[in-house]
Amino acid sequence: MKTADSFWIKIIYIVSVIISGAVAFLILGPRPEGVNGSLDVSLLPRVNATINAITTLLLVVGYFLIINKKRRFHKNVMLSSFAMSGAFLVSYIIYHWYKSGPKTYTGDFTSLYYFILITHIILAAAIIPLALLTLYRGWTDNLKLHRKIAKITLPLWLYVSVTGVAIYLMLY
């Protein structure tokens, strides 16, 4: 492994741990007095589900572009998909900062809901370094390693984005 690769891979893992820790803290951790409810964030779950749906669409389009050898378009669509995931993360963090704790599921499919939720959470944490590493490999034109990791990243990222929409539909 090249020195530059080693450096950036370490950065990817550090950033991934920081993001996962920040999200966990924002959902489960304490808030300063008066923050909860001080901003109306009631629209953000719908925004987040929409962003997840757009991400899903972009991932599928990106996949079809690359299998049709439209590399430049694939790259642009995948960067857009990554940007949408970044927008989701910002919106999600804002929502959970101003809204204390996760919403309680009250539907009839509790076991299914918790299976989807738990696998979604685990894979959402895993997708952070996978997506960053896949993006890095593509950005640096290390196409052999990019293809290898993309075969893992794509189905997991699709699962996370689709189940994000499913969780929204089950909660709201």
N, C-alpha and C. Protein backbone atom coordinates (compact mmCIF):
# COMPACT_ATOMS: atom_id res chain seq x y z
N MET A 1 0.84 -1.18 0.00
CA MET A 1 0.00 0.00 0.00
C MET A 1 0.88 1.24 0.00
N LYS A 2 0.54 2.18 -0.87
CA LYS A 2 1.31 3.41 -0.96
C LYS A 2 1.13 4.25 0.30
N THR A 3 2.11 5.11 0.57
CA THR A 3 2.04 5.98 1.74
C THR A 3 0.82 6.88 1.70
N ALA A 4 0.52 7.46 0.52
CA ALA A 4 -0.67 8.32 0.38
C ALA A 4 -1.93 7.53 0.67
N ASP A 5 -2.01 6.29 0.15
CA ASP A 5 -3.17 5.44 0.44
C ASP A 5 -3.31 5.21 1.94
N SER A 6 -2.21 4.86 2.56
CA SER A 6 -2.22 4.58 3.99
C SER A 6 -2.73 5.79 4.78
N PHE A 7 -2.25 6.96 4.41
CA PHE A 7 -2.67 8.19 5.09
C PHE A 7 -4.18 8.41 4.93
N TRP A 8 -4.68 8.33 3.69
CA TRP A 8 -6.10 8.62 3.44
C TRP A 8 -7.01 7.55 4.01
N ILE A 9 -6.56 6.33 4.03
CA ILE A 9 -7.39 5.27 4.63
C ILE A 9 -7.52 5.48 6.13
N LYS A 10 -6.44 5.89 6.77
CA LYS A 10 -6.51 6.23 8.21
C LYS A 10 -7.48 7.38 8.43
N ILE A 11 -7.42 8.40 7.59
CA ILE A 11 -8.33 9.55 7.70
C ILE A 11 -9.77 9.09 7.52
N ILE A 12 -10.02 8.22 6.55
CA ILE A 12 -11.38 7.70 6.31
C ILE A 12 -11.90 7.00 7.56
N TYR A 13 -11.09 6.17 8.18
CA TYR A 13 -11.55 5.46 9.38
C TYR A 13 -11.74 6.41 10.56
N ILE A 14 -10.88 7.38 10.72
CA ILE A 14 -11.04 8.36 11.80
C ILE A 14 -12.32 9.17 11.61
N VAL A 15 -12.53 9.66 10.40
CA VAL A 15 -13.75 10.44 10.10
C VAL A 15 -14.98 9.58 10.33
N SER A 16 -14.94 8.33 9.94
CA SER A 16 -16.08 7.42 10.11
C SER A 16 -16.42 7.22 11.58
N VAL A 17 -15.41 7.03 12.40
CA VAL A 17 -15.65 6.86 13.84
C VAL A 17 -16.21 8.14 14.44
N ILE A 18 -15.68 9.28 14.05
CA ILE A 18 -16.16 10.56 14.57
C ILE A 18 -17.62 10.78 14.18
N ILE A 19 -17.96 10.53 12.92
CA ILE A 19 -19.35 10.71 12.48
C ILE A 19 -20.29 9.77 13.23
N SER A 20 -19.92 8.50 13.32
CA SER A 20 -20.77 7.53 14.03
C SER A 20 -20.94 7.92 15.50
N GLY A 21 -19.86 8.32 16.13
CA GLY A 21 -19.93 8.74 17.54
C GLY A 21 -20.78 9.98 17.71
N ALA A 22 -20.64 10.95 16.82
CA ALA A 22 -21.44 12.18 16.91
C ALA A 22 -22.92 11.88 16.75
N VAL A 23 -23.25 11.04 15.79
CA VAL A 23 -24.66 10.69 15.58
C VAL A 23 -25.22 9.97 16.80
N ALA A 24 -24.48 9.00 17.34
CA ALA A 24 -24.93 8.28 18.54
C ALA A 24 -25.12 9.24 19.70
N PHE A 25 -24.19 10.17 19.89
CA PHE A 25 -24.30 11.13 20.98
C PHE A 25 -25.52 12.03 20.79
N LEU A 26 -25.74 12.48 19.57
CA LEU A 26 -26.87 13.38 19.31
C LEU A 26 -28.21 12.70 19.52
N ILE A 27 -28.28 11.42 19.27
CA ILE A 27 -29.53 10.71 19.48
C ILE A 27 -29.72 10.33 20.94
N LEU A 28 -28.68 9.86 21.58
CA LEU A 28 -28.79 9.30 22.92
C LEU A 28 -28.27 10.20 24.03
N GLY A 29 -27.45 11.18 23.70
CA GLY A 29 -26.78 11.99 24.71
C GLY A 29 -27.64 13.12 25.26
N PRO A 30 -27.12 13.79 26.27
CA PRO A 30 -27.86 14.90 26.88
C PRO A 30 -27.84 16.15 25.98
N ARG A 31 -28.83 16.98 26.17
CA ARG A 31 -28.91 18.25 25.43
C ARG A 31 -28.84 19.41 26.42
N PRO A 32 -28.30 20.51 25.95
CA PRO A 32 -28.35 21.69 26.82
C PRO A 32 -29.80 22.08 27.10
N GLU A 33 -30.01 22.67 28.23
CA GLU A 33 -31.35 23.12 28.64
C GLU A 33 -31.95 24.02 27.56
N GLY A 34 -33.18 23.74 27.17
CA GLY A 34 -33.90 24.61 26.25
C GLY A 34 -33.70 24.32 24.77
N VAL A 35 -32.82 23.37 24.42
CA VAL A 35 -32.58 23.08 23.00
C VAL A 35 -33.74 22.26 22.42
N ASN A 36 -34.18 21.25 23.17
CA ASN A 36 -35.25 20.38 22.70
C ASN A 36 -36.50 21.19 22.39
N GLY A 37 -36.92 21.17 21.13
CA GLY A 37 -38.13 21.86 20.73
C GLY A 37 -37.96 23.33 20.43
N SER A 38 -36.75 23.86 20.55
CA SER A 38 -36.56 25.30 20.30
C SER A 38 -36.59 25.65 18.82
N LEU A 39 -36.54 24.64 17.96
CA LEU A 39 -36.63 24.83 16.52
C LEU A 39 -37.60 23.78 15.98
N ASP A 40 -38.53 24.20 15.14
CA ASP A 40 -39.50 23.26 14.56
C ASP A 40 -38.80 22.43 13.49
N VAL A 41 -38.58 21.16 13.81
CA VAL A 41 -37.91 20.25 12.88
C VAL A 41 -38.86 19.15 12.40
N SER A 42 -40.16 19.39 12.56
CA SER A 42 -41.14 18.36 12.26
C SER A 42 -41.16 17.94 10.79
N LEU A 43 -40.70 18.79 9.90
CA LEU A 43 -40.68 18.47 8.48
C LEU A 43 -39.46 17.63 8.09
N LEU A 44 -38.44 17.62 8.92
CA LEU A 44 -37.18 16.96 8.55
C LEU A 44 -37.28 15.44 8.35
N PRO A 45 -38.10 14.69 9.10
CA PRO A 45 -38.20 13.26 8.77
C PRO A 45 -38.68 13.03 7.32
N ARG A 46 -39.61 13.83 6.85
CA ARG A 46 -40.07 13.71 5.46
C ARG A 46 -38.95 14.09 4.50
N VAL A 47 -38.23 15.15 4.84
CA VAL A 47 -37.08 15.57 4.01
C VAL A 47 -36.05 14.45 3.97
N ASN A 48 -35.77 13.84 5.12
CA ASN A 48 -34.78 12.76 5.18
C ASN A 48 -35.21 11.55 4.36
N ALA A 49 -36.49 11.19 4.42
CA ALA A 49 -36.99 10.07 3.62
C ALA A 49 -36.89 10.39 2.13
N THR A 50 -37.17 11.63 1.77
CA THR A 50 -37.06 12.04 0.37
C THR A 50 -35.61 11.97 -0.09
N ILE A 51 -34.70 12.45 0.75
CA ILE A 51 -33.27 12.37 0.41
C ILE A 51 -32.84 10.92 0.25
N ASN A 52 -33.31 10.04 1.14
CA ASN A 52 -32.98 8.61 1.01
C ASN A 52 -33.53 8.03 -0.29
N ALA A 53 -34.75 8.42 -0.67
CA ALA A 53 -35.34 7.92 -1.91
C ALA A 53 -34.53 8.41 -3.12
N ILE A 54 -34.12 9.67 -3.09
CA ILE A 54 -33.30 10.22 -4.19
C ILE A 54 -31.96 9.50 -4.24
N THR A 55 -31.37 9.25 -3.08
CA THR A 55 -30.10 8.52 -3.02
C THR A 55 -30.25 7.13 -3.64
N THR A 56 -31.34 6.45 -3.30
CA THR A 56 -31.59 5.13 -3.88
C THR A 56 -31.65 5.22 -5.40
N LEU A 57 -32.40 6.16 -5.91
CA LEU A 57 -32.53 6.34 -7.35
C LEU A 57 -31.16 6.63 -7.99
N LEU A 58 -30.39 7.51 -7.38
CA LEU A 58 -29.07 7.84 -7.92
C LEU A 58 -28.13 6.63 -7.91
N LEU A 59 -28.18 5.83 -6.85
CA LEU A 59 -27.34 4.63 -6.79
C LEU A 59 -27.69 3.65 -7.90
N VAL A 60 -28.97 3.46 -8.15
CA VAL A 60 -29.40 2.55 -9.21
C VAL A 60 -28.99 3.10 -10.58
N VAL A 61 -29.21 4.39 -10.80
CA VAL A 61 -28.81 5.01 -12.06
C VAL A 61 -27.29 4.89 -12.24
N GLY A 62 -26.54 5.17 -11.19
CA GLY A 62 -25.08 5.06 -11.25
C GLY A 62 -24.63 3.65 -11.61
N TYR A 63 -25.30 2.66 -11.05
CA TYR A 63 -24.97 1.27 -11.36
C TYR A 63 -25.21 0.98 -12.85
N PHE A 64 -26.36 1.39 -13.35
CA PHE A 64 -26.66 1.13 -14.76
C PHE A 64 -25.73 1.92 -15.69
N LEU A 65 -25.32 3.09 -15.28
CA LEU A 65 -24.37 3.85 -16.09
C LEU A 65 -23.04 3.13 -16.21
N ILE A 66 -22.56 2.58 -15.11
CA ILE A 66 -21.24 1.94 -15.17
C ILE A 66 -21.30 0.61 -15.91
N ILE A 67 -22.39 -0.13 -15.79
CA ILE A 67 -22.44 -1.38 -16.55
C ILE A 67 -22.61 -1.10 -18.05
N ASN A 68 -23.04 0.11 -18.39
CA ASN A 68 -23.12 0.52 -19.79
C ASN A 68 -21.90 1.34 -20.22
N LYS A 69 -20.85 1.28 -19.37
CA LYS A 69 -19.56 1.90 -19.67
C LYS A 69 -19.63 3.42 -19.87
N LYS A 70 -20.50 4.06 -19.15
CA LYS A 70 -20.62 5.53 -19.18
C LYS A 70 -19.94 6.06 -17.92
N ARG A 71 -18.61 5.93 -17.90
CA ARG A 71 -17.81 6.20 -16.70
C ARG A 71 -17.94 7.63 -16.19
N ARG A 72 -17.88 8.62 -17.07
CA ARG A 72 -17.97 10.01 -16.63
C ARG A 72 -19.33 10.30 -15.99
N PHE A 73 -20.39 9.81 -16.63
CA PHE A 73 -21.73 10.01 -16.07
C PHE A 73 -21.88 9.26 -14.74
N HIS A 74 -21.33 8.05 -14.70
CA HIS A 74 -21.35 7.26 -13.47
C HIS A 74 -20.69 8.03 -12.33
N LYS A 75 -19.54 8.59 -12.62
CA LYS A 75 -18.79 9.33 -11.59
C LYS A 75 -19.62 10.51 -11.07
N ASN A 76 -20.23 11.26 -11.98
CA ASN A 76 -21.04 12.42 -11.57
C ASN A 76 -22.26 12.00 -10.76
N VAL A 77 -22.92 10.94 -11.19
CA VAL A 77 -24.10 10.47 -10.46
C VAL A 77 -23.71 9.94 -9.09
N MET A 78 -22.61 9.22 -9.00
CA MET A 78 -22.18 8.69 -7.70
C MET A 78 -21.73 9.81 -6.76
N LEU A 79 -21.09 10.84 -7.30
CA LEU A 79 -20.76 12.00 -6.47
C LEU A 79 -22.03 12.69 -5.99
N SER A 80 -23.04 12.75 -6.84
CA SER A 80 -24.33 13.32 -6.43
C SER A 80 -24.98 12.47 -5.35
N SER A 81 -24.87 11.16 -5.49
CA SER A 81 -25.40 10.25 -4.47
C SER A 81 -24.69 10.46 -3.14
N PHE A 82 -23.38 10.62 -3.20
CA PHE A 82 -22.60 10.87 -1.99
C PHE A 82 -23.00 12.21 -1.37
N ALA A 83 -23.20 13.22 -2.21
CA ALA A 83 -23.63 14.54 -1.72
C ALA A 83 -25.01 14.46 -1.06
N MET A 84 -25.91 13.67 -1.65
CA MET A 84 -27.24 13.50 -1.05
C MET A 84 -27.12 12.83 0.32
N SER A 85 -26.24 11.85 0.43
CA SER A 85 -26.03 11.21 1.73
C SER A 85 -25.46 12.19 2.74
N GLY A 86 -24.59 13.08 2.27
CA GLY A 86 -24.07 14.13 3.15
C GLY A 86 -25.17 15.07 3.59
N ALA A 87 -26.05 15.45 2.66
CA ALA A 87 -27.19 16.32 3.00
C ALA A 87 -28.11 15.62 3.99
N PHE A 88 -28.32 14.32 3.79
CA PHE A 88 -29.12 13.54 4.73
C PHE A 88 -28.50 13.61 6.12
N LEU A 89 -27.21 13.39 6.19
CA LEU A 89 -26.53 13.37 7.49
C LEU A 89 -26.68 14.71 8.22
N VAL A 90 -26.52 15.80 7.50
CA VAL A 90 -26.68 17.13 8.11
C VAL A 90 -28.11 17.31 8.62
N SER A 91 -29.09 16.97 7.78
CA SER A 91 -30.49 17.11 8.16
C SER A 91 -30.82 16.20 9.35
N TYR A 92 -30.32 14.99 9.32
CA TYR A 92 -30.55 14.02 10.40
C TYR A 92 -29.97 14.52 11.72
N ILE A 93 -28.78 15.08 11.67
CA ILE A 93 -28.15 15.61 12.87
C ILE A 93 -28.93 16.80 13.42
N ILE A 94 -29.35 17.69 12.54
CA ILE A 94 -30.16 18.84 12.98
C ILE A 94 -31.45 18.35 13.63
N TYR A 95 -32.12 17.40 13.00
CA TYR A 95 -33.37 16.87 13.56
C TYR A 95 -33.15 16.32 14.96
N HIS A 96 -32.12 15.49 15.11
CA HIS A 96 -31.91 14.85 16.41
C HIS A 96 -31.32 15.78 17.46
N TRP A 97 -30.74 16.88 17.06
CA TRP A 97 -30.27 17.85 18.04
C TRP A 97 -31.45 18.59 18.67
N TYR A 98 -32.43 18.91 17.85
CA TYR A 98 -33.58 19.69 18.33
C TYR A 98 -34.76 18.83 18.76
N LYS A 99 -34.71 17.55 18.49
CA LYS A 99 -35.79 16.63 18.88
C LYS A 99 -35.17 15.55 19.75
N SER A 100 -35.58 15.50 20.99
CA SER A 100 -34.99 14.57 21.94
C SER A 100 -35.38 13.13 21.64
N GLY A 101 -34.39 12.28 21.47
CA GLY A 101 -34.61 10.85 21.34
C GLY A 101 -35.31 10.41 20.07
N PRO A 102 -35.25 9.12 19.79
CA PRO A 102 -35.92 8.59 18.60
C PRO A 102 -37.43 8.47 18.80
N LYS A 103 -38.19 8.50 17.71
CA LYS A 103 -39.64 8.33 17.75
C LYS A 103 -39.95 6.87 18.06
N THR A 104 -40.99 6.64 18.84
CA THR A 104 -41.39 5.30 19.22
C THR A 104 -42.28 4.68 18.15
N TYR A 105 -42.00 3.44 17.81
CA TYR A 105 -42.83 2.71 16.85
C TYR A 105 -44.09 2.22 17.55
N THR A 106 -45.25 2.46 16.94
CA THR A 106 -46.52 2.06 17.55
C THR A 106 -47.36 1.17 16.63
N GLY A 107 -46.76 0.65 15.57
CA GLY A 107 -47.50 -0.16 14.60
C GLY A 107 -47.66 -1.60 15.02
N ASP A 108 -48.18 -2.39 14.11
CA ASP A 108 -48.49 -3.80 14.37
C ASP A 108 -47.37 -4.76 14.02
N PHE A 109 -46.30 -4.29 13.42
CA PHE A 109 -45.22 -5.17 12.94
C PHE A 109 -43.93 -4.90 13.71
N THR A 110 -44.03 -4.99 15.02
CA THR A 110 -42.91 -4.63 15.89
C THR A 110 -41.63 -5.41 15.58
N SER A 111 -41.73 -6.72 15.43
CA SER A 111 -40.54 -7.53 15.16
C SER A 111 -39.89 -7.14 13.83
N LEU A 112 -40.71 -6.96 12.82
CA LEU A 112 -40.20 -6.54 11.51
C LEU A 112 -39.56 -5.16 11.60
N TYR A 113 -40.25 -4.24 12.28
CA TYR A 113 -39.73 -2.88 12.41
C TYR A 113 -38.35 -2.90 13.09
N TYR A 114 -38.23 -3.61 14.20
CA TYR A 114 -36.96 -3.62 14.91
C TYR A 114 -35.86 -4.35 14.15
N PHE A 115 -36.22 -5.38 13.38
CA PHE A 115 -35.23 -6.03 12.52
C PHE A 115 -34.70 -5.04 11.50
N ILE A 116 -35.62 -4.33 10.83
CA ILE A 116 -35.22 -3.33 9.83
C ILE A 116 -34.40 -2.23 10.49
N LEU A 117 -34.86 -1.72 11.63
CA LEU A 117 -34.17 -0.63 12.31
C LEU A 117 -32.76 -1.02 12.75
N ILE A 118 -32.62 -2.18 13.37
CA ILE A 118 -31.31 -2.60 13.88
C ILE A 118 -30.34 -2.84 12.73
N THR A 119 -30.79 -3.54 11.69
CA THR A 119 -29.89 -3.77 10.55
C THR A 119 -29.58 -2.46 9.84
N HIS A 120 -30.54 -1.56 9.78
CA HIS A 120 -30.32 -0.25 9.17
C HIS A 120 -29.24 0.53 9.94
N ILE A 121 -29.34 0.55 11.24
CA ILE A 121 -28.38 1.28 12.08
C ILE A 121 -26.97 0.70 11.93
N ILE A 122 -26.86 -0.61 12.02
CA ILE A 122 -25.55 -1.25 11.92
C ILE A 122 -24.93 -0.99 10.55
N LEU A 123 -25.72 -1.17 9.50
CA LEU A 123 -25.19 -0.98 8.15
C LEU A 123 -24.97 0.50 7.82
N ALA A 124 -25.76 1.40 8.41
CA ALA A 124 -25.54 2.83 8.20
C ALA A 124 -24.18 3.24 8.78
N ALA A 125 -23.83 2.67 9.93
CA ALA A 125 -22.51 2.94 10.49
C ALA A 125 -21.41 2.33 9.61
N ALA A 126 -21.66 1.14 9.09
CA ALA A 126 -20.66 0.48 8.24
C ALA A 126 -20.51 1.17 6.89
N ILE A 127 -21.58 1.76 6.39
CA ILE A 127 -21.53 2.35 5.05
C ILE A 127 -20.67 3.62 5.03
N ILE A 128 -20.48 4.25 6.15
CA ILE A 128 -19.67 5.48 6.17
C ILE A 128 -18.25 5.20 5.67
N PRO A 129 -17.50 4.28 6.30
CA PRO A 129 -16.15 4.03 5.76
C PRO A 129 -16.18 3.35 4.39
N LEU A 130 -17.17 2.50 4.15
CA LEU A 130 -17.24 1.83 2.85
C LEU A 130 -17.46 2.83 1.72
N ALA A 131 -18.40 3.75 1.90
CA ALA A 131 -18.68 4.76 0.86
C ALA A 131 -17.47 5.67 0.68
N LEU A 132 -16.87 6.09 1.78
CA LEU A 132 -15.69 6.96 1.67
C LEU A 132 -14.53 6.25 0.97
N LEU A 133 -14.32 4.99 1.31
CA LEU A 133 -13.24 4.22 0.69
C LEU A 133 -13.53 3.97 -0.80
N THR A 134 -14.78 3.67 -1.12
CA THR A 134 -15.16 3.46 -2.51
C THR A 134 -14.98 4.75 -3.30
N LEU A 135 -15.41 5.85 -2.72
CA LEU A 135 -15.23 7.16 -3.36
C LEU A 135 -13.74 7.46 -3.56
N TYR A 136 -12.95 7.22 -2.55
CA TYR A 136 -11.51 7.46 -2.64
C TYR A 136 -10.87 6.62 -3.75
N ARG A 137 -11.23 5.35 -3.79
CA ARG A 137 -10.65 4.46 -4.82
C ARG A 137 -11.05 4.91 -6.23
N GLY A 138 -12.27 5.37 -6.39
CA GLY A 138 -12.69 5.87 -7.69
C GLY A 138 -12.03 7.19 -8.03
N TRP A 139 -11.95 8.06 -7.04
CA TRP A 139 -11.37 9.40 -7.24
C TRP A 139 -9.90 9.31 -7.66
N THR A 140 -9.18 8.33 -7.09
CA THR A 140 -7.76 8.18 -7.39
C THR A 140 -7.52 7.22 -8.57
N ASP A 141 -8.59 6.85 -9.24
CA ASP A 141 -8.53 5.95 -10.41
C ASP A 141 -7.89 4.60 -10.11
N ASN A 142 -8.03 4.14 -8.89
CA ASN A 142 -7.60 2.79 -8.55
C ASN A 142 -8.80 1.88 -8.82
N LEU A 143 -9.06 1.68 -10.11
CA LEU A 143 -10.31 1.05 -10.52
C LEU A 143 -10.44 -0.40 -10.11
N LYS A 144 -9.32 -1.12 -10.04
CA LYS A 144 -9.38 -2.51 -9.60
C LYS A 144 -9.92 -2.60 -8.17
N LEU A 145 -9.35 -1.81 -7.26
CA LEU A 145 -9.83 -1.83 -5.88
C LEU A 145 -11.19 -1.14 -5.75
N HIS A 146 -11.43 -0.14 -6.59
CA HIS A 146 -12.74 0.53 -6.58
C HIS A 146 -13.85 -0.48 -6.90
N ARG A 147 -13.67 -1.24 -7.97
CA ARG A 147 -14.67 -2.24 -8.35
C ARG A 147 -14.87 -3.27 -7.25
N LYS A 148 -13.76 -3.70 -6.66
CA LYS A 148 -13.82 -4.73 -5.63
C LYS A 148 -14.65 -4.27 -4.42
N ILE A 149 -14.40 -3.07 -3.95
CA ILE A 149 -15.14 -2.60 -2.78
C ILE A 149 -16.54 -2.12 -3.15
N ALA A 150 -16.72 -1.62 -4.36
CA ALA A 150 -18.05 -1.15 -4.80
C ALA A 150 -19.05 -2.29 -4.84
N LYS A 151 -18.58 -3.51 -5.11
CA LYS A 151 -19.46 -4.68 -5.11
C LYS A 151 -20.04 -4.96 -3.72
N ILE A 152 -19.36 -4.51 -2.70
CA ILE A 152 -19.84 -4.63 -1.32
C ILE A 152 -20.64 -3.39 -0.94
N THR A 153 -20.10 -2.23 -1.29
CA THR A 153 -20.70 -0.96 -0.88
C THR A 153 -22.08 -0.76 -1.49
N LEU A 154 -22.23 -1.00 -2.78
CA LEU A 154 -23.50 -0.71 -3.45
C LEU A 154 -24.70 -1.41 -2.81
N PRO A 155 -24.69 -2.73 -2.64
CA PRO A 155 -25.88 -3.34 -2.04
C PRO A 155 -26.15 -2.89 -0.61
N LEU A 156 -25.09 -2.66 0.14
CA LEU A 156 -25.29 -2.19 1.52
C LEU A 156 -25.84 -0.77 1.55
N TRP A 157 -25.31 0.09 0.69
CA TRP A 157 -25.77 1.48 0.61
C TRP A 157 -27.22 1.51 0.14
N LEU A 158 -27.56 0.68 -0.83
CA LEU A 158 -28.96 0.58 -1.28
C LEU A 158 -29.86 0.13 -0.13
N TYR A 159 -29.41 -0.88 0.61
CA TYR A 159 -30.21 -1.36 1.74
C TYR A 159 -30.44 -0.24 2.75
N VAL A 160 -29.39 0.50 3.08
CA VAL A 160 -29.52 1.58 4.06
C VAL A 160 -30.48 2.66 3.55
N SER A 161 -30.36 3.04 2.29
CA SER A 161 -31.23 4.10 1.78
C SER A 161 -32.68 3.63 1.65
N VAL A 162 -32.90 2.40 1.20
CA VAL A 162 -34.27 1.87 1.08
C VAL A 162 -34.89 1.68 2.46
N THR A 163 -34.15 1.12 3.40
CA THR A 163 -34.71 0.92 4.74
C THR A 163 -34.92 2.24 5.47
N GLY A 164 -34.15 3.26 5.12
CA GLY A 164 -34.41 4.58 5.68
C GLY A 164 -35.80 5.07 5.32
N VAL A 165 -36.19 4.86 4.07
CA VAL A 165 -37.54 5.22 3.62
C VAL A 165 -38.57 4.33 4.31
N ALA A 166 -38.28 3.03 4.40
CA ALA A 166 -39.21 2.09 5.04
C ALA A 166 -39.45 2.47 6.50
N ILE A 167 -38.40 2.83 7.21
CA ILE A 167 -38.53 3.22 8.61
C ILE A 167 -39.40 4.46 8.72
N TYR A 168 -39.18 5.44 7.86
CA TYR A 168 -40.03 6.63 7.86
C TYR A 168 -41.49 6.25 7.64
N LEU A 169 -41.76 5.41 6.65
CA LEU A 169 -43.14 5.00 6.37
C LEU A 169 -43.77 4.25 7.53
N MET A 170 -42.97 3.46 8.23
CA MET A 170 -43.50 2.72 9.38
C MET A 170 -43.74 3.62 10.58
N LEU A 171 -42.95 4.67 10.73
CA LEU A 171 -43.10 5.57 11.88
C LEU A 171 -44.15 6.66 11.66
N TYR A 172 -44.29 7.12 10.42
CA TYR A 172 -45.16 8.26 10.14
C TYR A 172 -46.30 7.85 9.25
